[in-house]
Amino acid sequence: MCYLAEKKGFLLSRCHTGKINMKILNKRMTLEQFKNYLLELKTKPWQFHPKRICLHHTSSPVESWQGSGSMLHYWNLYRSRGWKAGPHIFIAPNGVWLFTPLNKRGKTSSPALRDCIHIEIVGRYYTKDDIMSEELKLLSQNVIILLKNKYNIFGPNKTVLHADYPGGENCSHFVNPFN
């Protein structure tokens, strides 16, 4: 028997074994709140230190985004796949959603992307006709710039698309907010 519990801002999944499968933050922030969060975030030497940023898009369209309810949907989806973590951040029309703590590795299907902060941009961007709204594009650009500054992630190939790596077959090259 499994159940959900909330403790210190984390959602916990506990099954009859007592094992925690995945912790998520499920916390929405404005861009200004996210900026302050990054300023206050301290990372210890033994914790995860990202080297790149990897962009993904959700399997659901923007119109179906339900905030906290969508976060729980993705939590259940990832958990059903046996994942112990998910992406770090969802960027949605109503703000920046923290999913996995930034000082822990996120989940990816490609071992080549283990050193990344993983960002899910809400929406499906499978073709060049799937246009990201200007608001979502601007929010995504700002979040990426803040993360690059926080973690000193500069240089070529430091922002990558999941579609370019093994396991990214269901992702797209049209998710890049800088195009």
Protein backbone atom coordinates (compact mmCIF):
# COMPACT_ATOMS: atom_id res chain seq x y z
CA MET A 1 0.00 0.00 0.00
CA CYS A 2 1.40 3.41 -0.99
CA TYR A 3 0.49 6.84 0.29
CA LEU A 4 1.51 10.46 -0.08
CA ALA A 5 2.64 12.66 2.77
CA GLU A 6 4.00 16.16 2.95
CA LYS A 7 6.95 16.90 5.21
CA LYS A 8 9.05 20.05 5.30
CA GLY A 9 7.88 21.15 1.84
CA PHE A 10 8.65 17.83 0.15
CA LEU A 11 6.15 15.35 -1.18
CA LEU A 12 7.10 11.88 -0.12
CA SER A 13 6.04 8.58 -1.57
CA ARG A 14 6.16 5.76 0.92
CA CYS A 15 5.25 2.22 0.05
CA HIS A 16 4.78 -0.75 2.33
CA THR A 17 8.56 -1.23 2.31
CA GLY A 18 8.96 2.23 3.87
CA LYS A 19 11.29 3.25 1.05
CA ILE A 20 11.05 6.78 -0.34
CA ASN A 21 10.83 6.57 -4.12
CA MET A 22 11.03 10.24 -5.05
CA LYS A 23 10.96 13.61 -3.34
CA ILE A 24 9.64 16.63 -5.16
CA LEU A 25 9.39 20.26 -4.13
CA ASN A 26 6.19 21.16 -6.06
CA LYS A 27 6.77 24.86 -5.43
CA ARG A 28 5.79 27.71 -7.76
CA MET A 29 7.83 30.92 -7.91
CA THR A 30 7.75 34.13 -9.83
CA LEU A 31 10.92 35.02 -11.73
CA GLU A 32 11.91 37.42 -8.92
CA GLN A 33 11.32 34.74 -6.25
CA PHE A 34 13.38 32.27 -8.30
CA LYS A 35 16.20 34.80 -8.58
CA ASN A 36 16.18 35.27 -4.78
CA TYR A 37 16.02 31.51 -4.28
CA LEU A 38 19.17 31.07 -6.38
CA LEU A 39 20.96 33.84 -4.49
CA GLU A 40 20.23 32.12 -1.18
CA LEU A 41 20.92 28.57 -2.39
CA LYS A 42 24.16 27.18 -0.98
CA THR A 43 25.78 24.09 -2.49
CA LYS A 44 28.19 21.99 -0.50
CA PRO A 45 31.32 20.58 -2.21
CA TRP A 46 29.96 17.01 -2.21
CA GLN A 47 26.61 17.97 -3.73
CA PHE A 48 25.69 18.07 -7.42
CA HIS A 49 27.47 20.80 -9.41
CA PRO A 50 25.89 21.15 -12.87
CA LYS A 51 28.03 21.69 -15.94
CA ARG A 52 25.25 22.21 -18.52
CA ILE A 53 21.54 22.94 -18.90
CA CYS A 54 19.33 20.47 -20.76
CA LEU A 55 16.01 21.54 -22.25
CA HIS A 56 13.01 19.24 -22.50
CA HIS A 57 9.33 19.85 -23.18
CA THR A 58 6.35 18.25 -21.52
CA SER A 59 4.26 15.51 -23.07
CA SER A 60 1.16 17.61 -22.39
CA PRO A 61 0.20 20.83 -24.19
CA VAL A 62 0.29 24.23 -22.49
CA GLU A 63 -3.52 24.30 -22.33
CA SER A 64 -3.62 21.31 -19.99
CA TRP A 65 -1.20 22.77 -17.41
CA GLN A 66 -2.85 22.74 -13.99
CA GLY A 67 -0.02 23.95 -11.76
CA SER A 68 0.37 21.80 -8.67
CA GLY A 69 -1.97 19.18 -10.12
CA SER A 70 0.26 18.85 -13.18
CA MET A 71 3.32 18.54 -10.95
CA LEU A 72 1.63 15.61 -9.18
CA HIS A 73 0.72 14.11 -12.57
CA TYR A 74 4.39 14.16 -13.64
CA TRP A 75 5.47 12.89 -10.21
CA ASN A 76 3.16 9.89 -10.67
CA LEU A 77 4.29 9.39 -14.27
CA TYR A 78 7.99 9.40 -13.37
CA ARG A 79 7.43 7.23 -10.31
CA SER A 80 5.51 4.69 -12.43
CA ARG A 81 8.60 4.46 -14.65
CA GLY A 82 10.73 3.62 -11.62
CA TRP A 83 12.60 6.91 -11.63
CA LYS A 84 14.05 8.21 -8.37
CA ALA A 85 14.18 11.80 -9.63
CA GLY A 86 12.71 14.01 -12.32
CA PRO A 87 13.69 17.28 -13.95
CA HIS A 88 14.79 20.13 -11.73
CA ILE A 89 12.43 22.80 -13.03
CA PHE A 90 9.22 23.17 -14.99
CA ILE A 91 8.74 26.52 -16.71
CA ALA A 92 5.03 27.14 -17.10
CA PRO A 93 2.71 30.00 -18.05
CA ASN A 94 2.09 30.66 -14.35
CA GLY A 95 5.72 30.66 -13.18
CA VAL A 96 8.78 28.61 -12.38
CA TRP A 97 8.02 25.31 -10.67
CA LEU A 98 10.71 23.57 -8.63
CA PHE A 99 10.47 19.80 -8.98
CA THR A 100 13.80 18.24 -7.96
CA PRO A 101 16.21 20.11 -5.65
CA LEU A 102 18.94 21.85 -7.67
CA ASN A 103 21.67 20.35 -5.47
CA LYS A 104 20.67 16.80 -6.50
CA ARG A 105 20.99 15.07 -9.84
CA GLY A 106 17.86 15.13 -11.96
CA LYS A 107 16.62 12.19 -13.99
CA THR A 108 17.45 11.67 -17.61
CA SER A 109 17.30 8.69 -19.92
CA SER A 110 20.77 9.52 -21.25
CA PRO A 111 23.87 8.96 -19.10
CA ALA A 112 25.55 11.70 -21.19
CA LEU A 113 23.23 14.23 -19.52
CA ARG A 114 23.93 13.38 -15.87
CA ASP A 115 25.85 16.63 -15.39
CA CYS A 116 22.89 18.84 -16.37
CA ILE A 117 20.20 20.89 -14.74
CA HIS A 118 17.08 19.59 -16.45
CA ILE A 119 14.34 22.02 -17.43
CA GLU A 120 10.92 21.01 -18.76
CA ILE A 121 9.29 23.82 -20.71
CA VAL A 122 5.55 23.27 -20.58
CA GLY A 123 4.05 22.52 -23.97
CA ARG A 124 4.58 20.37 -27.03
CA TYR A 125 7.06 21.73 -29.55
CA TYR A 126 7.33 18.97 -32.14
CA THR A 127 7.36 21.16 -35.26
CA LYS A 128 8.40 24.69 -36.18
CA ASP A 129 4.68 25.54 -36.22
CA ASP A 130 4.38 24.75 -32.49
CA ILE A 131 5.14 28.24 -31.27
CA MET A 132 6.06 29.03 -27.68
CA SER A 133 4.22 32.08 -26.35
CA GLU A 134 6.35 35.21 -25.99
CA GLU A 135 5.74 35.21 -22.20
CA LEU A 136 6.88 31.60 -21.82
CA LYS A 137 9.85 32.21 -24.11
CA LEU A 138 10.95 35.26 -22.09
CA LEU A 139 10.50 33.47 -18.75
CA SER A 140 12.51 30.48 -20.07
CA GLN A 141 15.31 32.72 -21.33
CA ASN A 142 15.53 34.52 -17.98
CA VAL A 143 15.56 31.29 -15.96
CA ILE A 144 18.33 29.86 -18.14
CA ILE A 145 20.41 33.04 -17.83
CA LEU A 146 19.98 33.06 -14.03
CA LEU A 147 21.08 29.41 -13.84
CA LYS A 148 24.08 30.02 -16.10
CA ASN A 149 25.18 32.89 -13.87
CA LYS A 150 24.61 30.94 -10.64
CA TYR A 151 26.60 27.90 -11.78
CA ASN A 152 29.07 29.64 -14.11
CA ILE A 153 27.83 27.63 -17.09
CA PHE A 154 29.24 29.50 -20.07
CA GLY A 155 30.72 28.52 -23.39
CA PRO A 156 29.67 26.49 -26.41
CA ASN A 157 27.37 23.50 -25.94
CA LYS A 158 26.41 24.48 -22.40
CA THR A 159 22.68 24.60 -23.17
CA VAL A 160 21.66 21.37 -24.86
CA LEU A 161 18.47 19.76 -26.09
CA HIS A 162 17.42 16.34 -24.86
CA ALA A 163 16.46 15.56 -28.48
CA ASP A 164 20.16 15.49 -29.40
CA TYR A 165 20.97 12.60 -27.04
CA PRO A 166 19.99 8.94 -26.71
CA GLY A 167 16.62 8.64 -25.02
CA GLY A 168 15.44 11.95 -26.48
CA GLU A 169 13.52 10.41 -29.35
CA ASN A 170 10.24 11.88 -28.05
CA CYS A 171 11.73 15.32 -27.55
CA SER A 172 12.10 18.07 -30.11
CA HIS A 173 14.61 20.54 -31.46
CA PHE A 174 11.93 23.25 -31.41
CA VAL A 175 11.91 23.66 -27.61
CA ASN A 176 14.80 26.13 -27.60
CA PRO A 177 13.50 29.53 -26.38
CA PHE A 178 16.52 31.33 -27.88
CA ASN A 179 15.50 30.46 -31.47
